[in-house]
């Protein structure tokens, strides 16, 4: 499974956009990768926003633990629904 992240997740196992070094343009492959990343991100952000509206996710956030388990469960159920 591929997991995308934004620039705050550097040096993790997540795939993040390439950053431009000062005074240097991005390489062509890096530009194309960033373009693909930009296409996917709004969809993901909308889904996360919708999931936060459910009471169970709000409670997980308030307790400070368990949110990642709830999000994984919802994502797996969504993938199962798509596969059916």
N, C-alpha and C. Protein backbone atom coordinates (compact mmCIF):
# COMPACT_ATOMS: atom_id res chain seq x y z
N UNK A 1 0.84 -1.17 0.00
CA UNK A 1 0.00 0.00 0.00
C UNK A 1 0.90 1.24 0.00
N UNK A 2 0.58 2.20 -0.81
CA UNK A 2 1.32 3.45 -0.89
C UNK A 2 0.63 4.49 -0.02
N UNK A 3 1.41 5.16 0.81
CA UNK A 3 0.85 6.19 1.69
C UNK A 3 1.51 7.51 1.35
N UNK A 4 0.69 8.50 1.00
CA UNK A 4 1.18 9.82 0.67
C UNK A 4 1.12 10.72 1.89
N UNK A 5 2.02 11.66 1.94
CA UNK A 5 2.02 12.64 3.01
C UNK A 5 2.44 13.99 2.46
N UNK A 6 2.26 15.02 3.25
CA UNK A 6 2.72 16.33 2.80
C UNK A 6 4.13 16.58 3.32
N UNK A 7 4.61 17.77 3.16
CA UNK A 7 5.99 18.09 3.49
C UNK A 7 6.36 17.94 4.96
N UNK A 8 5.38 17.85 5.83
CA UNK A 8 5.69 17.69 7.25
C UNK A 8 6.13 16.28 7.59
N UNK A 9 5.98 15.36 6.66
CA UNK A 9 6.33 13.96 6.90
C UNK A 9 7.65 13.57 6.25
N UNK A 10 8.56 14.50 6.13
CA UNK A 10 9.88 14.18 5.59
C UNK A 10 10.59 13.18 6.51
N UNK A 11 11.45 12.38 5.93
CA UNK A 11 12.23 11.37 6.67
C UNK A 11 11.36 10.34 7.36
N UNK A 12 10.22 10.03 6.76
CA UNK A 12 9.37 8.94 7.22
C UNK A 12 9.21 7.98 6.04
N UNK A 13 8.41 6.97 6.21
CA UNK A 13 8.20 6.02 5.12
C UNK A 13 7.12 6.50 4.15
N UNK A 14 6.54 7.66 4.39
CA UNK A 14 5.51 8.18 3.50
C UNK A 14 6.14 8.80 2.25
N UNK A 15 5.37 8.82 1.18
CA UNK A 15 5.82 9.46 -0.06
C UNK A 15 5.40 10.92 0.01
N UNK A 16 6.35 11.82 -0.06
CA UNK A 16 6.10 13.25 0.06
C UNK A 16 6.54 13.95 -1.23
N UNK A 17 6.02 15.15 -1.48
CA UNK A 17 6.44 15.89 -2.68
C UNK A 17 7.93 16.24 -2.61
N UNK A 18 8.52 16.37 -3.77
CA UNK A 18 9.92 16.77 -3.85
C UNK A 18 10.03 18.27 -3.55
N UNK A 19 11.09 18.64 -2.87
CA UNK A 19 11.33 20.05 -2.58
C UNK A 19 12.40 20.59 -3.51
N UNK A 20 12.23 21.84 -3.86
CA UNK A 20 13.20 22.49 -4.73
C UNK A 20 14.33 23.08 -3.89
N UNK A 21 15.54 22.82 -4.31
CA UNK A 21 16.70 23.42 -3.64
C UNK A 21 16.82 24.88 -4.08
N UNK A 22 17.25 25.77 -3.21
CA UNK A 22 17.39 27.18 -3.59
C UNK A 22 18.31 27.34 -4.80
N UNK A 23 17.82 28.08 -5.78
CA UNK A 23 18.63 28.37 -6.96
C UNK A 23 18.66 27.25 -7.99
N UNK A 24 17.94 26.16 -7.76
CA UNK A 24 17.92 25.05 -8.71
C UNK A 24 16.47 24.67 -9.03
N UNK A 25 16.19 24.40 -10.29
CA UNK A 25 14.85 23.93 -10.63
C UNK A 25 14.71 22.44 -10.28
N UNK A 26 13.47 22.00 -10.13
CA UNK A 26 13.23 20.58 -9.91
C UNK A 26 13.53 19.80 -11.18
N UNK A 27 13.96 18.58 -11.02
CA UNK A 27 14.16 17.71 -12.17
C UNK A 27 12.81 17.38 -12.78
N UNK A 28 12.80 17.00 -14.05
CA UNK A 28 11.55 16.74 -14.75
C UNK A 28 10.73 15.64 -14.07
N UNK A 29 11.36 14.56 -13.67
CA UNK A 29 10.65 13.49 -13.00
C UNK A 29 10.05 13.94 -11.68
N UNK A 30 10.76 14.81 -10.98
CA UNK A 30 10.26 15.32 -9.70
C UNK A 30 9.05 16.22 -9.91
N UNK A 31 9.08 17.02 -10.96
CA UNK A 31 7.93 17.89 -11.28
C UNK A 31 6.70 17.05 -11.59
N UNK A 32 6.89 15.98 -12.37
CA UNK A 32 5.76 15.11 -12.73
C UNK A 32 5.22 14.40 -11.49
N UNK A 33 6.11 13.96 -10.61
CA UNK A 33 5.69 13.31 -9.37
C UNK A 33 4.87 14.27 -8.52
N UNK A 34 5.33 15.50 -8.39
CA UNK A 34 4.60 16.49 -7.60
C UNK A 34 3.23 16.79 -8.21
N UNK A 35 3.15 16.80 -9.54
CA UNK A 35 1.87 17.04 -10.21
C UNK A 35 0.89 15.92 -9.89
N UNK A 36 1.35 14.68 -9.91
CA UNK A 36 0.48 13.55 -9.56
C UNK A 36 0.05 13.64 -8.09
N UNK A 37 0.97 14.03 -7.25
CA UNK A 37 0.68 14.17 -5.82
C UNK A 37 -0.39 15.23 -5.61
N UNK A 38 -0.29 16.34 -6.34
CA UNK A 38 -1.28 17.43 -6.21
C UNK A 38 -2.67 16.99 -6.67
N UNK A 39 -2.74 16.07 -7.64
CA UNK A 39 -4.04 15.61 -8.12
C UNK A 39 -4.75 14.75 -7.09
N UNK A 40 -4.00 13.96 -6.33
CA UNK A 40 -4.58 13.04 -5.37
C UNK A 40 -4.93 13.73 -4.05
N UNK A 41 -4.14 14.65 -3.65
CA UNK A 41 -4.27 15.24 -2.31
C UNK A 41 -5.65 15.83 -2.01
N UNK A 42 -6.28 16.61 -2.90
CA UNK A 42 -7.60 17.15 -2.55
C UNK A 42 -8.63 16.07 -2.24
N UNK A 43 -8.59 14.96 -2.98
CA UNK A 43 -9.53 13.86 -2.72
C UNK A 43 -9.32 13.31 -1.33
N UNK A 44 -8.08 13.11 -0.97
CA UNK A 44 -7.75 12.57 0.36
C UNK A 44 -8.17 13.54 1.45
N UNK A 45 -7.89 14.82 1.26
CA UNK A 45 -8.25 15.82 2.27
C UNK A 45 -9.76 15.88 2.47
N UNK A 46 -10.54 15.75 1.38
CA UNK A 46 -11.99 15.76 1.52
C UNK A 46 -12.49 14.55 2.30
N UNK A 47 -11.91 13.39 2.03
CA UNK A 47 -12.31 12.18 2.75
C UNK A 47 -11.99 12.32 4.24
N UNK A 48 -10.81 12.82 4.56
CA UNK A 48 -10.43 13.00 5.96
C UNK A 48 -11.39 13.98 6.64
N UNK A 49 -11.74 15.05 5.94
CA UNK A 49 -12.68 16.02 6.49
C UNK A 49 -14.04 15.39 6.76
N UNK A 50 -14.50 14.53 5.84
CA UNK A 50 -15.79 13.87 6.04
C UNK A 50 -15.73 12.89 7.21
N UNK A 51 -14.62 12.17 7.33
CA UNK A 51 -14.50 11.21 8.42
C UNK A 51 -14.47 11.90 9.77
N UNK A 52 -13.93 13.11 9.84
CA UNK A 52 -13.89 13.84 11.10
C UNK A 52 -15.28 14.25 11.57
N UNK A 53 -16.25 14.26 10.65
CA UNK A 53 -17.61 14.61 11.02
C UNK A 53 -18.30 13.49 11.80
N UNK A 54 -17.80 12.26 11.69
CA UNK A 54 -18.40 11.15 12.42
C UNK A 54 -17.98 11.22 13.88
N UNK A 55 -18.92 10.94 14.76
CA UNK A 55 -18.67 11.07 16.19
C UNK A 55 -17.51 10.20 16.66
N UNK A 56 -17.39 8.98 16.14
CA UNK A 56 -16.33 8.09 16.61
C UNK A 56 -14.95 8.69 16.36
N UNK A 57 -14.76 9.34 15.22
CA UNK A 57 -13.46 9.93 14.93
C UNK A 57 -13.22 11.17 15.80
N UNK A 58 -14.26 11.91 16.09
CA UNK A 58 -14.11 13.07 16.96
C UNK A 58 -13.66 12.64 18.36
N UNK A 59 -14.28 11.56 18.86
CA UNK A 59 -13.91 11.06 20.18
C UNK A 59 -12.48 10.54 20.20
N UNK A 60 -12.04 9.87 19.13
CA UNK A 60 -10.66 9.39 19.06
C UNK A 60 -9.69 10.56 19.11
N UNK A 61 -10.00 11.63 18.42
CA UNK A 61 -9.11 12.79 18.40
C UNK A 61 -9.03 13.42 19.78
N UNK A 62 -10.15 13.46 20.50
CA UNK A 62 -10.14 14.09 21.81
C UNK A 62 -9.33 13.28 22.82
N UNK A 63 -9.36 11.96 22.70
CA UNK A 63 -8.59 11.12 23.61
C UNK A 63 -7.11 11.11 23.25
N UNK A 64 -6.81 11.41 22.00
CA UNK A 64 -5.41 11.46 21.58
C UNK A 64 -4.83 10.15 21.13
N UNK A 65 -5.59 9.07 21.20
CA UNK A 65 -5.08 7.79 20.71
C UNK A 65 -6.20 7.08 19.95
N UNK A 66 -5.83 6.18 19.12
CA UNK A 66 -6.81 5.37 18.42
C UNK A 66 -7.29 5.93 17.10
N UNK A 67 -6.98 7.17 16.79
CA UNK A 67 -7.46 7.73 15.53
C UNK A 67 -6.92 6.95 14.35
N UNK A 68 -5.65 6.58 14.38
CA UNK A 68 -5.09 5.87 13.24
C UNK A 68 -5.77 4.52 13.04
N UNK A 69 -6.19 3.86 14.12
CA UNK A 69 -6.90 2.59 13.98
C UNK A 69 -8.27 2.80 13.34
N UNK A 70 -8.96 3.85 13.76
CA UNK A 70 -10.28 4.13 13.21
C UNK A 70 -10.17 4.48 11.73
N UNK A 71 -9.19 5.28 11.37
CA UNK A 71 -9.02 5.68 9.97
C UNK A 71 -8.66 4.46 9.12
N UNK A 72 -7.78 3.60 9.62
CA UNK A 72 -7.44 2.38 8.89
C UNK A 72 -8.66 1.50 8.69
N UNK A 73 -9.49 1.36 9.71
CA UNK A 73 -10.69 0.54 9.59
C UNK A 73 -11.64 1.10 8.55
N UNK A 74 -11.86 2.41 8.57
CA UNK A 74 -12.74 3.04 7.59
C UNK A 74 -12.18 2.88 6.18
N UNK A 75 -10.87 3.06 6.03
CA UNK A 75 -10.24 2.92 4.71
C UNK A 75 -10.37 1.49 4.20
N UNK A 76 -10.18 0.52 5.07
CA UNK A 76 -10.30 -0.89 4.66
C UNK A 76 -11.73 -1.22 4.25
N UNK A 77 -12.71 -0.71 5.01
CA UNK A 77 -14.11 -0.95 4.64
C UNK A 77 -14.42 -0.31 3.30
N UNK A 78 -13.88 0.87 3.07
CA UNK A 78 -14.10 1.55 1.80
C UNK A 78 -13.50 0.74 0.65
N UNK A 79 -12.28 0.22 0.85
CA UNK A 79 -11.63 -0.59 -0.19
C UNK A 79 -12.41 -1.88 -0.45
N UNK A 80 -12.95 -2.49 0.60
CA UNK A 80 -13.76 -3.69 0.41
C UNK A 80 -15.01 -3.37 -0.39
N UNK A 81 -15.63 -2.23 -0.10
CA UNK A 81 -16.82 -1.82 -0.84
C UNK A 81 -16.50 -1.58 -2.32
N UNK A 82 -15.33 -1.01 -2.60
CA UNK A 82 -14.94 -0.78 -3.99
C UNK A 82 -14.66 -2.10 -4.72
N UNK A 83 -14.10 -3.07 -4.00
CA UNK A 83 -13.75 -4.35 -4.61
C UNK A 83 -14.97 -5.22 -4.88
N UNK A 84 -16.05 -4.98 -4.16
CA UNK A 84 -17.26 -5.83 -4.30
C UNK A 84 -18.01 -5.56 -5.57
